[in-house]
Amino acid sequence: MPSPCVSVCRMTPDRSHCEGCFRTLDEIRAWSKASGAERRVIWAALLRRAGVTPPEELA
């Protein structure tokens, strides 16, 4: 599962998530040790934050 990082590492003004990858700080911290299933959950959450409906395999 590829990392969602796009090298735009800047938190939103309310510090809720990264403006580049839409992950929360907790999700960014967890990514390197996350299992494939956990990474799919993170991907689905960040896509929702970005206003994109996740594909069925992530939902």
PDB file of N, CA and C in Angstrom:
ATOM      1  N   MET A   1       0.859  -1.172   0.000  1.00  0.00           N
ATOM      2  CA  MET A   1       0.000   0.000   0.000  1.00  0.00           C
ATOM      3  C   MET A   1       0.904   1.234   0.000  1.00  0.00           C
ATOM      4  N   PRO A   2       0.807   2.078  -1.027  1.00  0.00           N
ATOM      5  CA  PRO A   2       1.668   3.261  -1.095  1.00  0.00           C
ATOM      6  C   PRO A   2       1.288   4.316  -0.055  1.00  0.00           C
ATOM      7  N   SER A   3       2.275   5.080   0.325  1.00  0.00           N
ATOM      8  CA  SER A   3       2.023   6.186   1.254  1.00  0.00           C
ATOM      9  C   SER A   3       1.242   7.277   0.535  1.00  0.00           C
ATOM     10  N   PRO A   4       0.313   7.924   1.230  1.00  0.00           N
ATOM     11  CA  PRO A   4      -0.421   9.033   0.635  1.00  0.00           C
ATOM     12  C   PRO A   4       0.364  10.347   0.632  1.00  0.00           C
ATOM     13  N   CYS A   5       1.554  10.339   1.190  1.00  0.00           N
ATOM     14  CA  CYS A   5       2.351  11.567   1.288  1.00  0.00           C
ATOM     15  C   CYS A   5       2.655  12.119  -0.101  1.00  0.00           C
ATOM     16  N   VAL A   6       2.441  13.431  -0.265  1.00  0.00           N
ATOM     17  CA  VAL A   6       2.755  14.115  -1.519  1.00  0.00           C
ATOM     18  C   VAL A   6       3.801  15.212  -1.290  1.00  0.00           C
ATOM     19  N   SER A   7       4.501  15.125  -0.175  1.00  0.00           N
ATOM     20  CA  SER A   7       5.573  16.064   0.182  1.00  0.00           C
ATOM     21  C   SER A   7       5.091  17.503   0.319  1.00  0.00           C
ATOM     22  N   VAL A   8       3.858  17.676   0.741  1.00  0.00           N
ATOM     23  CA  VAL A   8       3.313  18.983   1.113  1.00  0.00           C
ATOM     24  C   VAL A   8       2.928  18.838   2.581  1.00  0.00           C
ATOM     25  N   CYS A   9       3.915  18.915   3.431  1.00  0.00           N
ATOM     26  CA  CYS A   9       3.734  18.604   4.848  1.00  0.00           C
ATOM     27  C   CYS A   9       3.421  19.881   5.632  1.00  0.00           C
ATOM     28  N   ARG A  10       2.137  20.196   5.668  1.00  0.00           N
ATOM     29  CA  ARG A  10       1.685  21.418   6.344  1.00  0.00           C
ATOM     30  C   ARG A  10       0.314  21.130   6.939  1.00  0.00           C
ATOM     31  N   MET A  11       0.172  21.376   8.212  1.00  0.00           N
ATOM     32  CA  MET A  11      -1.104  21.130   8.875  1.00  0.00           C
ATOM     33  C   MET A  11      -2.080  22.266   8.583  1.00  0.00           C
ATOM     34  N   THR A  12      -3.358  21.934   8.568  1.00  0.00           N
ATOM     35  CA  THR A  12      -4.399  22.949   8.398  1.00  0.00           C
ATOM     36  C   THR A  12      -4.341  23.903   9.591  1.00  0.00           C
ATOM     37  N   PRO A  13      -4.896  25.097   9.447  1.00  0.00           N
ATOM     38  CA  PRO A  13      -4.863  26.053  10.572  1.00  0.00           C
ATOM     39  C   PRO A  13      -5.454  25.485  11.869  1.00  0.00           C
ATOM     40  N   ASP A  14      -6.460  24.623  11.773  1.00  0.00           N
ATOM     41  CA  ASP A  14      -7.034  24.047  12.993  1.00  0.00           C
ATOM     42  C   ASP A  14      -6.289  22.788  13.447  1.00  0.00           C
ATOM     43  N   ARG A  15      -5.230  22.435  12.719  1.00  0.00           N
ATOM     44  CA  ARG A  15      -4.359  21.289  13.035  1.00  0.00           C
ATOM     45  C   ARG A  15      -5.100  19.955  13.001  1.00  0.00           C
ATOM     46  N   SER A  16      -6.195  19.898  12.238  1.00  0.00           N
ATOM     47  CA  SER A  16      -6.970  18.657  12.176  1.00  0.00           C
ATOM     48  C   SER A  16      -6.347  17.618  11.252  1.00  0.00           C
ATOM     49  N   HIS A  17      -5.637  18.083  10.193  1.00  0.00           N
ATOM     50  CA  HIS A  17      -5.013  17.152   9.256  1.00  0.00           C
ATOM     51  C   HIS A  17      -4.008  17.892   8.362  1.00  0.00           C
ATOM     52  N   CYS A  18      -3.200  17.112   7.667  1.00  0.00           N
ATOM     53  CA  CYS A  18      -2.202  17.653   6.750  1.00  0.00           C
ATOM     54  C   CYS A  18      -2.895  18.170   5.490  1.00  0.00           C
ATOM     55  N   GLU A  19      -2.471  19.335   5.010  1.00  0.00           N
ATOM     56  CA  GLU A  19      -3.047  19.903   3.795  1.00  0.00           C
ATOM     57  C   GLU A  19      -2.650  19.115   2.549  1.00  0.00           C
ATOM     58  N   GLY A  20      -1.544  18.392   2.609  1.00  0.00           N
ATOM     59  CA  GLY A  20      -1.086  17.634   1.448  1.00  0.00           C
ATOM     60  C   GLY A  20      -1.727  16.266   1.315  1.00  0.00           C
ATOM     61  N   CYS A  21      -1.677  15.486   2.379  1.00  0.00           N
ATOM     62  CA  CYS A  21      -2.147  14.092   2.301  1.00  0.00           C
ATOM     63  C   CYS A  21      -3.465  13.846   3.027  1.00  0.00           C
ATOM     64  N   PHE A  22      -3.963  14.832   3.737  1.00  0.00           N
ATOM     65  CA  PHE A  22      -5.239  14.748   4.462  1.00  0.00           C
ATOM     66  C   PHE A  22      -5.216  13.776   5.644  1.00  0.00           C
ATOM     67  N   ARG A  23      -4.027  13.332   6.081  1.00  0.00           N
ATOM     68  CA  ARG A  23      -3.946  12.470   7.266  1.00  0.00           C
ATOM     69  C   ARG A  23      -3.865  13.314   8.526  1.00  0.00           C
ATOM     70  N   THR A  24      -4.363  12.747   9.628  1.00  0.00           N
ATOM     71  CA  THR A  24      -4.210  13.383  10.937  1.00  0.00           C
ATOM     72  C   THR A  24      -2.790  13.110  11.436  1.00  0.00           C
ATOM     73  N   LEU A  25      -2.376  13.825  12.471  1.00  0.00           N
ATOM     74  CA  LEU A  25      -1.051  13.555  13.049  1.00  0.00           C
ATOM     75  C   LEU A  25      -0.947  12.117  13.536  1.00  0.00           C
ATOM     76  N   ASP A  26      -2.002  11.610  14.157  1.00  0.00           N
ATOM     77  CA  ASP A  26      -1.978  10.222  14.633  1.00  0.00           C
ATOM     78  C   ASP A  26      -1.831   9.237  13.473  1.00  0.00           C
ATOM     79  N   GLU A  27      -2.500   9.511  12.365  1.00  0.00           N
ATOM     80  CA  GLU A  27      -2.386   8.624  11.203  1.00  0.00           C
ATOM     81  C   GLU A  27      -0.994   8.685  10.591  1.00  0.00           C
ATOM     82  N   ILE A  28      -0.400   9.870  10.556  1.00  0.00           N
ATOM     83  CA  ILE A  28       0.966  10.016  10.036  1.00  0.00           C
ATOM     84  C   ILE A  28       1.935   9.234  10.905  1.00  0.00           C
ATOM     85  N   ARG A  29       1.788   9.368  12.222  1.00  0.00           N
ATOM     86  CA  ARG A  29       2.668   8.643  13.151  1.00  0.00           C
ATOM     87  C   ARG A  29       2.504   7.133  13.020  1.00  0.00           C
ATOM     88  N   ALA A  30       1.293   6.669  12.822  1.00  0.00           N
ATOM     89  CA  ALA A  30       1.007   5.232  12.790  1.00  0.00           C
ATOM     90  C   ALA A  30       1.384   4.574  11.465  1.00  0.00           C
ATOM     91  N   TRP A  31       1.501   5.343  10.406  1.00  0.00           N
ATOM     92  CA  TRP A  31       1.627   4.784   9.061  1.00  0.00           C
ATOM     93  C   TRP A  31       2.749   3.756   8.926  1.00  0.00           C
ATOM     94  N   SER A  32       3.942   4.060   9.384  1.00  0.00           N
ATOM     95  CA  SER A  32       5.093   3.174   9.144  1.00  0.00           C
ATOM     96  C   SER A  32       4.941   1.803   9.787  1.00  0.00           C
ATOM     97  N   LYS A  33       4.175   1.707  10.856  1.00  0.00           N
ATOM     98  CA  LYS A  33       4.003   0.422  11.539  1.00  0.00           C
ATOM     99  C   LYS A  33       2.629  -0.192  11.281  1.00  0.00           C
ATOM    100  N   ALA A  34       1.807   0.465  10.486  1.00  0.00           N
ATOM    101  CA  ALA A  34       0.436   0.001  10.253  1.00  0.00           C
ATOM    102  C   ALA A  34       0.426  -1.222   9.331  1.00  0.00           C
ATOM    103  N   SER A  35      -0.481  -2.124   9.608  1.00  0.00           N
ATOM    104  CA  SER A  35      -0.682  -3.288   8.743  1.00  0.00           C
ATOM    105  C   SER A  35      -1.376  -2.833   7.461  1.00  0.00           C
ATOM    106  N   GLY A  36      -1.486  -3.729   6.496  1.00  0.00           N
ATOM    107  CA  GLY A  36      -2.190  -3.407   5.265  1.00  0.00           C
ATOM    108  C   GLY A  36      -3.628  -3.002   5.525  1.00  0.00           C
ATOM    109  N   ALA A  37      -4.286  -3.715   6.426  1.00  0.00           N
ATOM    110  CA  ALA A  37      -5.685  -3.396   6.756  1.00  0.00           C
ATOM    111  C   ALA A  37      -5.789  -2.020   7.402  1.00  0.00           C
ATOM    112  N   GLU A  38      -4.867  -1.711   8.303  1.00  0.00           N
ATOM    113  CA  GLU A  38      -4.878  -0.400   8.962  1.00  0.00           C
ATOM    114  C   GLU A  38      -4.597   0.719   7.949  1.00  0.00           C
ATOM    115  N   ARG A  39      -3.721   0.457   6.994  1.00  0.00           N
ATOM    116  CA  ARG A  39      -3.421   1.457   5.966  1.00  0.00           C
ATOM    117  C   ARG A  39      -4.640   1.704   5.079  1.00  0.00           C
ATOM    118  N   ARG A  40      -5.395   0.661   4.779  1.00  0.00           N
ATOM    119  CA  ARG A  40      -6.615   0.837   3.987  1.00  0.00           C
ATOM    120  C   ARG A  40      -7.626   1.704   4.738  1.00  0.00           C
ATOM    121  N   VAL A  41      -7.721   1.509   6.057  1.00  0.00           N
ATOM    122  CA  VAL A  41      -8.623   2.336   6.874  1.00  0.00           C
ATOM    123  C   VAL A  41      -8.175   3.799   6.831  1.00  0.00           C
ATOM    124  N   ILE A  42      -6.875   4.032   6.937  1.00  0.00           N
ATOM    125  CA  ILE A  42      -6.343   5.392   6.878  1.00  0.00           C
ATOM    126  C   ILE A  42      -6.621   6.012   5.519  1.00  0.00           C
ATOM    127  N   TRP A  43      -6.378   5.259   4.444  1.00  0.00           N
ATOM    128  CA  TRP A  43      -6.647   5.763   3.096  1.00  0.00           C
ATOM    129  C   TRP A  43      -8.115   6.142   2.945  1.00  0.00           C
ATOM    130  N   ALA A  44      -9.014   5.283   3.408  1.00  0.00           N
ATOM    131  CA  ALA A  44     -10.451   5.581   3.292  1.00  0.00           C
ATOM    132  C   ALA A  44     -10.799   6.858   4.046  1.00  0.00           C
ATOM    133  N   ALA A  45     -10.245   7.020   5.247  1.00  0.00           N
ATOM    134  CA  ALA A  45     -10.535   8.204   6.064  1.00  0.00           C
ATOM    135  C   ALA A  45     -10.007   9.478   5.393  1.00  0.00           C
ATOM    136  N   LEU A  46      -8.787   9.425   4.865  1.00  0.00           N
ATOM    137  CA  LEU A  46      -8.222  10.637   4.262  1.00  0.00           C
ATOM    138  C   LEU A  46      -8.951  10.991   2.966  1.00  0.00           C
ATOM    139  N   LEU A  47      -9.387   9.985   2.223  1.00  0.00           N
ATOM    140  CA  LEU A  47     -10.170  10.282   1.020  1.00  0.00           C
ATOM    141  C   LEU A  47     -11.480  10.979   1.382  1.00  0.00           C
ATOM    142  N   ARG A  48     -12.137  10.496   2.440  1.00  0.00           N
ATOM    143  CA  ARG A  48     -13.375  11.154   2.895  1.00  0.00           C
ATOM    144  C   ARG A  48     -13.093  12.598   3.307  1.00  0.00           C
ATOM    145  N   ARG A  49     -11.983  12.813   4.022  1.00  0.00           N
ATOM    146  CA  ARG A  49     -11.606  14.175   4.434  1.00  0.00           C
ATOM    147  C   ARG A  49     -11.373  15.069   3.223  1.00  0.00           C
ATOM    148  N   ALA A  50     -10.852  14.465   2.156  1.00  0.00           N
ATOM    149  CA  ALA A  50     -10.578  15.215   0.933  1.00  0.00           C
ATOM    150  C   ALA A  50     -11.836  15.414   0.085  1.00  0.00           C
ATOM    151  N   GLY A  51     -12.954  14.824   0.522  1.00  0.00           N
ATOM    152  CA  GLY A  51     -14.200  14.965  -0.216  1.00  0.00           C
ATOM    153  C   GLY A  51     -14.353  13.973  -1.344  1.00  0.00           C
ATOM    154  N   VAL A  52     -13.608  12.857  -1.274  1.00  0.00           N
ATOM    155  CA  VAL A  52     -13.646  11.826  -2.299  1.00  0.00           C
ATOM    156  C   VAL A  52     -14.259  10.562  -1.709  1.00  0.00           C
ATOM    157  N   THR A  53     -15.172   9.941  -2.420  1.00  0.00           N
ATOM    158  CA  THR A  53     -15.748   8.676  -1.965  1.00  0.00           C
ATOM    159  C   THR A  53     -14.741   7.572  -2.188  1.00  0.00           C
ATOM    160  N   PRO A  54     -14.360   6.848  -1.126  1.00  0.00           N
ATOM    161  CA  PRO A  54     -13.375   5.788  -1.283  1.00  0.00           C
ATOM    162  C   PRO A  54     -13.922   4.641  -2.124  1.00  0.00           C
ATOM    163  N   PRO A  55     -13.056   3.974  -2.896  1.00  0.00           N
ATOM    164  CA  PRO A  55     -13.505   2.805  -3.641  1.00  0.00           C
ATOM    165  C   PRO A  55     -13.952   1.710  -2.667  1.00  0.00           C
ATOM    166  N   GLU A  56     -14.769   0.795  -3.139  1.00  0.00           N
ATOM    167  CA  GLU A  56     -15.334  -0.245  -2.278  1.00  0.00           C
ATOM    168  C   GLU A  56     -14.280  -1.032  -1.513  1.00  0.00           C
ATOM    169  N   GLU A  57     -13.138  -1.310  -2.132  1.00  0.00           N
ATOM    170  CA  GLU A  57     -12.115  -2.101  -1.457  1.00  0.00           C
ATOM    171  C   GLU A  57     -11.491  -1.384  -0.253  1.00  0.00           C
ATOM    172  N   LEU A  58     -11.700  -0.073  -0.140  1.00  0.00           N
ATOM    173  CA  LEU A  58     -11.192   0.686   1.004  1.00  0.00           C
ATOM    174  C   LEU A  58     -12.293   1.013   2.004  1.00  0.00           C
ATOM    175  N   ALA A  59     -13.524   1.044   1.546  1.00  0.00           N
ATOM    176  CA  ALA A  59     -14.639   1.492   2.389  1.00  0.00           C
ATOM    177  C   ALA A  59     -15.002   0.543   3.482  1.00  0.00           C
TER     178      ALA A  59
END
